[in-house]
Amino acid sequence: MSKKRTNRARAAARGTAADSARVALAGGESLGDDVKLKGVMPETMAESISRSAGVAAFSFKSAFILAGAVLLGTVVIPYAASLAGAPVNITVMVALPLLIAAALAGTRYFVDTDRGLCRGALITFAVAWAASLLVCWLVLYQGVMPF
């Protein structure tokens, strides 16, 4: 007679934020094994919080996308352009604000919410692009941080 084995993932999650029994303590109801977590809370709780606050929370996926855009705009593209003979500060000035703005607008309106391309996404893109362009100009050309 064999002893029934528990799922290794469930045993590893016991007592952590991913434990469905622990998540149930916050809402008081019993959550099943098919609960989808968004960050450290159930997806339904994240949706109700975003509806009441009016702003969607950043997910881990959107944070990784933003970090990838920053890495791409500050390291990968300038390095590839420097191999071709272009100056690094110009390629950072062109690539980084565009990638940050696109990643921010894309994650806010396509990944974290299902609103898609709308006026808010375009406004977010424009404001993020202008702000990051200003910061890049201050850092690269006004001597805040010499490269």
C-alpha atoms as a PDB file:
ATOM      1  CA  MET A   1       0.000   0.000   0.000  1.00  0.00           C
ATOM      2  CA  SER A   2       1.545   3.240  -1.108  1.00  0.00           C
ATOM      3  CA  LYS A   3       1.209   6.504   0.658  1.00  0.00           C
ATOM      4  CA  LYS A   4      -0.535   9.234  -1.345  1.00  0.00           C
ATOM      5  CA  ARG A   5       2.012  11.808  -2.490  1.00  0.00           C
ATOM      6  CA  THR A   6       1.210  15.480  -2.416  1.00  0.00           C
ATOM      7  CA  ASN A   7       1.970  17.711  -5.329  1.00  0.00           C
ATOM      8  CA  ARG A   8       5.516  19.075  -5.027  1.00  0.00           C
ATOM      9  CA  ALA A   9       4.496  22.537  -6.201  1.00  0.00           C
ATOM     10  CA  ARG A  10       1.711  22.705  -3.631  1.00  0.00           C
ATOM     11  CA  ALA A  11       4.088  21.544  -0.913  1.00  0.00           C
ATOM     12  CA  ALA A  12       6.675  24.139  -1.943  1.00  0.00           C
ATOM     13  CA  ALA A  13       4.081  26.917  -1.943  1.00  0.00           C
ATOM     14  CA  ARG A  14       2.766  26.034   1.529  1.00  0.00           C
ATOM     15  CA  GLY A  15       3.057  29.045   3.791  1.00  0.00           C
ATOM     16  CA  THR A  16       4.095  31.460   1.046  1.00  0.00           C
ATOM     17  CA  ALA A  17       2.065  34.092  -0.781  1.00  0.00           C
ATOM     18  CA  ALA A  18       1.299  31.553  -3.528  1.00  0.00           C
ATOM     19  CA  ASP A  19      -0.467  29.191  -1.098  1.00  0.00           C
ATOM     20  CA  SER A  20      -4.163  29.159  -2.006  1.00  0.00           C
ATOM     21  CA  ALA A  21      -5.132  28.469   1.618  1.00  0.00           C
ATOM     22  CA  ARG A  22      -3.221  31.538   2.770  1.00  0.00           C
ATOM     23  CA  VAL A  23      -4.716  33.694   0.010  1.00  0.00           C
ATOM     24  CA  ALA A  24      -8.165  32.631   1.177  1.00  0.00           C
ATOM     25  CA  LEU A  25      -7.494  34.179   4.572  1.00  0.00           C
ATOM     26  CA  ALA A  26      -7.579  37.655   3.065  1.00  0.00           C
ATOM     27  CA  GLY A  27     -11.033  37.302   1.546  1.00  0.00           C
ATOM     28  CA  GLY A  28     -12.461  34.751   3.936  1.00  0.00           C
ATOM     29  CA  GLU A  29     -13.731  32.420   1.216  1.00  0.00           C
ATOM     30  CA  SER A  30     -12.245  29.091   0.296  1.00  0.00           C
ATOM     31  CA  LEU A  31     -10.267  29.272  -2.926  1.00  0.00           C
ATOM     32  CA  GLY A  32      -9.808  26.213  -5.099  1.00  0.00           C
ATOM     33  CA  ASP A  33      -6.711  24.883  -6.772  1.00  0.00           C
ATOM     34  CA  ASP A  34      -7.541  26.684 -10.019  1.00  0.00           C
ATOM     35  CA  VAL A  35      -7.059  30.184  -8.575  1.00  0.00           C
ATOM     36  CA  LYS A  36      -5.030  32.433 -10.865  1.00  0.00           C
ATOM     37  CA  LEU A  37      -2.704  34.746  -8.984  1.00  0.00           C
ATOM     38  CA  LYS A  38      -1.746  38.178 -10.261  1.00  0.00           C
ATOM     39  CA  GLY A  39       1.391  39.026  -8.340  1.00  0.00           C
ATOM     40  CA  VAL A  40       0.635  37.955  -4.778  1.00  0.00           C
ATOM     41  CA  MET A  41      -3.160  38.230  -4.855  1.00  0.00           C
ATOM     42  CA  PRO A  42      -5.929  36.437  -6.731  1.00  0.00           C
ATOM     43  CA  GLU A  43      -6.796  37.864 -10.132  1.00  0.00           C
ATOM     44  CA  THR A  44     -10.363  38.665  -9.044  1.00  0.00           C
ATOM     45  CA  MET A  45      -9.075  40.699  -6.093  1.00  0.00           C
ATOM     46  CA  ALA A  46      -6.633  42.564  -8.356  1.00  0.00           C
ATOM     47  CA  GLU A  47      -9.448  43.401 -10.760  1.00  0.00           C
ATOM     48  CA  SER A  48     -11.713  44.701  -7.983  1.00  0.00           C
ATOM     49  CA  ILE A  49      -8.894  46.849  -6.585  1.00  0.00           C
ATOM     50  CA  SER A  50      -8.103  48.285 -10.007  1.00  0.00           C
ATOM     51  CA  ARG A  51     -11.795  49.045 -10.612  1.00  0.00           C
ATOM     52  CA  SER A  52     -12.182  50.849  -7.293  1.00  0.00           C
ATOM     53  CA  ALA A  53      -8.886  52.742  -7.563  1.00  0.00           C
ATOM     54  CA  GLY A  54      -9.197  53.465 -11.272  1.00  0.00           C
ATOM     55  CA  VAL A  55      -5.585  52.415 -11.918  1.00  0.00           C
ATOM     56  CA  ALA A  56      -4.403  48.916 -12.770  1.00  0.00           C
ATOM     57  CA  ALA A  57      -1.510  47.524 -10.760  1.00  0.00           C
ATOM     58  CA  PHE A  58       1.746  46.600 -12.486  1.00  0.00           C
ATOM     59  CA  SER A  59       2.173  42.891 -12.956  1.00  0.00           C
ATOM     60  CA  PHE A  60       5.430  40.970 -12.965  1.00  0.00           C
ATOM     61  CA  LYS A  61       5.103  40.566 -16.723  1.00  0.00           C
ATOM     62  CA  SER A  62       4.861  44.321 -17.303  1.00  0.00           C
ATOM     63  CA  ALA A  63       7.812  44.947 -14.983  1.00  0.00           C
ATOM     64  CA  PHE A  64       9.951  42.499 -16.968  1.00  0.00           C
ATOM     65  CA  ILE A  65       8.868  44.110 -20.240  1.00  0.00           C
ATOM     66  CA  LEU A  66       9.837  47.559 -18.947  1.00  0.00           C
ATOM     67  CA  ALA A  67      13.175  46.260 -17.651  1.00  0.00           C
ATOM     68  CA  GLY A  68      13.816  44.628 -21.023  1.00  0.00           C
ATOM     69  CA  ALA A  69      13.050  47.886 -22.833  1.00  0.00           C
ATOM     70  CA  VAL A  70      15.489  49.790 -20.620  1.00  0.00           C
ATOM     71  CA  LEU A  71      18.184  47.146 -21.121  1.00  0.00           C
ATOM     72  CA  LEU A  72      17.613  47.136 -24.859  1.00  0.00           C
ATOM     73  CA  GLY A  73      17.682  50.939 -25.100  1.00  0.00           C
ATOM     74  CA  THR A  74      20.738  51.491 -22.909  1.00  0.00           C
ATOM     75  CA  VAL A  75      22.980  48.521 -23.680  1.00  0.00           C
ATOM     76  CA  VAL A  76      22.053  46.405 -26.694  1.00  0.00           C
ATOM     77  CA  ILE A  77      21.089  48.996 -29.313  1.00  0.00           C
ATOM     78  CA  PRO A  78      23.874  51.503 -28.428  1.00  0.00           C
ATOM     79  CA  TYR A  79      26.462  48.703 -28.477  1.00  0.00           C
ATOM     80  CA  ALA A  80      25.288  47.493 -31.881  1.00  0.00           C
ATOM     81  CA  ALA A  81      25.252  51.062 -33.187  1.00  0.00           C
ATOM     82  CA  SER A  82      28.736  51.733 -31.796  1.00  0.00           C
ATOM     83  CA  LEU A  83      30.009  48.728 -33.729  1.00  0.00           C
ATOM     84  CA  ALA A  84      28.630  50.397 -36.838  1.00  0.00           C
ATOM     85  CA  GLY A  85      30.362  53.678 -35.932  1.00  0.00           C
ATOM     86  CA  ALA A  86      27.458  55.708 -34.482  1.00  0.00           C
ATOM     87  CA  PRO A  87      28.021  57.681 -31.269  1.00  0.00           C
ATOM     88  CA  VAL A  88      26.566  56.058 -28.164  1.00  0.00           C
ATOM     89  CA  ASN A  89      24.906  59.181 -26.749  1.00  0.00           C
ATOM     90  CA  ILE A  90      22.877  59.781 -29.912  1.00  0.00           C
ATOM     91  CA  THR A  91      21.678  56.184 -30.109  1.00  0.00           C
ATOM     92  CA  VAL A  92      20.678  56.237 -26.434  1.00  0.00           C
ATOM     93  CA  MET A  93      18.893  59.555 -26.995  1.00  0.00           C
ATOM     94  CA  VAL A  94      16.926  58.079 -29.902  1.00  0.00           C
ATOM     95  CA  ALA A  95      16.276  54.505 -28.734  1.00  0.00           C
ATOM     96  CA  LEU A  96      15.696  54.748 -24.987  1.00  0.00           C
ATOM     97  CA  PRO A  97      12.796  57.253 -24.832  1.00  0.00           C
ATOM     98  CA  LEU A  98      10.994  55.523 -27.680  1.00  0.00           C
ATOM     99  CA  LEU A  99      11.346  52.060 -26.117  1.00  0.00           C
ATOM    100  CA  ILE A 100      10.390  53.214 -22.617  1.00  0.00           C
ATOM    101  CA  ALA A 101       7.297  55.020 -23.880  1.00  0.00           C
ATOM    102  CA  ALA A 102       6.217  52.098 -26.061  1.00  0.00           C
ATOM    103  CA  ALA A 103       6.769  49.579 -23.255  1.00  0.00           C
ATOM    104  CA  LEU A 104       4.932  51.699 -20.686  1.00  0.00           C
ATOM    105  CA  ALA A 105       1.921  52.384 -22.898  1.00  0.00           C
ATOM    106  CA  GLY A 106       1.865  48.817 -24.179  1.00  0.00           C
ATOM    107  CA  THR A 107       1.979  47.211 -20.761  1.00  0.00           C
ATOM    108  CA  ARG A 108      -0.583  49.551 -19.227  1.00  0.00           C
ATOM    109  CA  TYR A 109      -3.153  49.194 -22.005  1.00  0.00           C
ATOM    110  CA  PHE A 110      -2.486  45.744 -23.480  1.00  0.00           C
ATOM    111  CA  VAL A 111      -0.929  43.579 -20.727  1.00  0.00           C
ATOM    112  CA  ASP A 112      -2.338  44.882 -17.429  1.00  0.00           C
ATOM    113  CA  THR A 113      -5.745  45.855 -18.823  1.00  0.00           C
ATOM    114  CA  ASP A 114      -7.611  44.873 -21.967  1.00  0.00           C
ATOM    115  CA  ARG A 115      -8.384  48.404 -23.133  1.00  0.00           C
ATOM    116  CA  GLY A 116      -6.171  48.214 -26.208  1.00  0.00           C
ATOM    117  CA  LEU A 117      -5.246  51.132 -28.427  1.00  0.00           C
ATOM    118  CA  CYS A 118      -7.229  54.147 -27.263  1.00  0.00           C
ATOM    119  CA  ARG A 119      -6.764  57.831 -26.519  1.00  0.00           C
ATOM    120  CA  GLY A 120      -5.307  57.053 -23.089  1.00  0.00           C
ATOM    121  CA  ALA A 121      -2.643  54.796 -24.597  1.00  0.00           C
ATOM    122  CA  LEU A 122      -1.584  57.531 -27.004  1.00  0.00           C
ATOM    123  CA  ILE A 123      -1.487  60.136 -24.229  1.00  0.00           C
ATOM    124  CA  THR A 124       0.550  57.785 -22.036  1.00  0.00           C
ATOM    125  CA  PHE A 125       2.953  57.165 -24.909  1.00  0.00           C
ATOM    126  CA  ALA A 126       3.351  60.895 -25.633  1.00  0.00           C
ATOM    127  CA  VAL A 127       3.871  61.938 -22.011  1.00  0.00           C
ATOM    128  CA  ALA A 128       6.295  59.077 -21.277  1.00  0.00           C
ATOM    129  CA  TRP A 129       8.233  59.796 -24.473  1.00  0.00           C
ATOM    130  CA  ALA A 130       8.524  63.532 -23.698  1.00  0.00           C
ATOM    131  CA  ALA A 131       9.518  62.935 -20.059  1.00  0.00           C
ATOM    132  CA  SER A 132      12.123  60.287 -20.855  1.00  0.00           C
ATOM    133  CA  LEU A 133      13.478  62.397 -23.724  1.00  0.00           C
ATOM    134  CA  LEU A 134      13.921  65.313 -21.314  1.00  0.00           C
ATOM    135  CA  VAL A 135      15.687  63.104 -18.754  1.00  0.00           C
ATOM    136  CA  CYS A 136      17.987  61.635 -21.420  1.00  0.00           C
ATOM    137  CA  TRP A 137      18.834  65.126 -22.683  1.00  0.00           C
ATOM    138  CA  LEU A 138      19.623  66.319 -19.153  1.00  0.00           C
ATOM    139  CA  VAL A 139      21.760  63.279 -18.398  1.00  0.00           C
ATOM    140  CA  LEU A 140      23.633  63.069 -21.691  1.00  0.00           C
ATOM    141  CA  TYR A 141      24.001  66.673 -22.859  1.00  0.00           C
ATOM    142  CA  GLN A 142      23.742  68.871 -19.768  1.00  0.00           C
ATOM    143  CA  GLY A 143      26.426  67.145 -17.754  1.00  0.00           C
ATOM    144  CA  VAL A 144      24.275  65.585 -15.070  1.00  0.00           C
ATOM    145  CA  MET A 145      26.074  62.292 -15.722  1.00  0.00           C
ATOM    146  CA  PRO A 146      28.933  62.366 -18.231  1.00  0.00           C
ATOM    147  CA  PHE A 147      29.459  59.374 -20.497  1.00  0.00           C
END
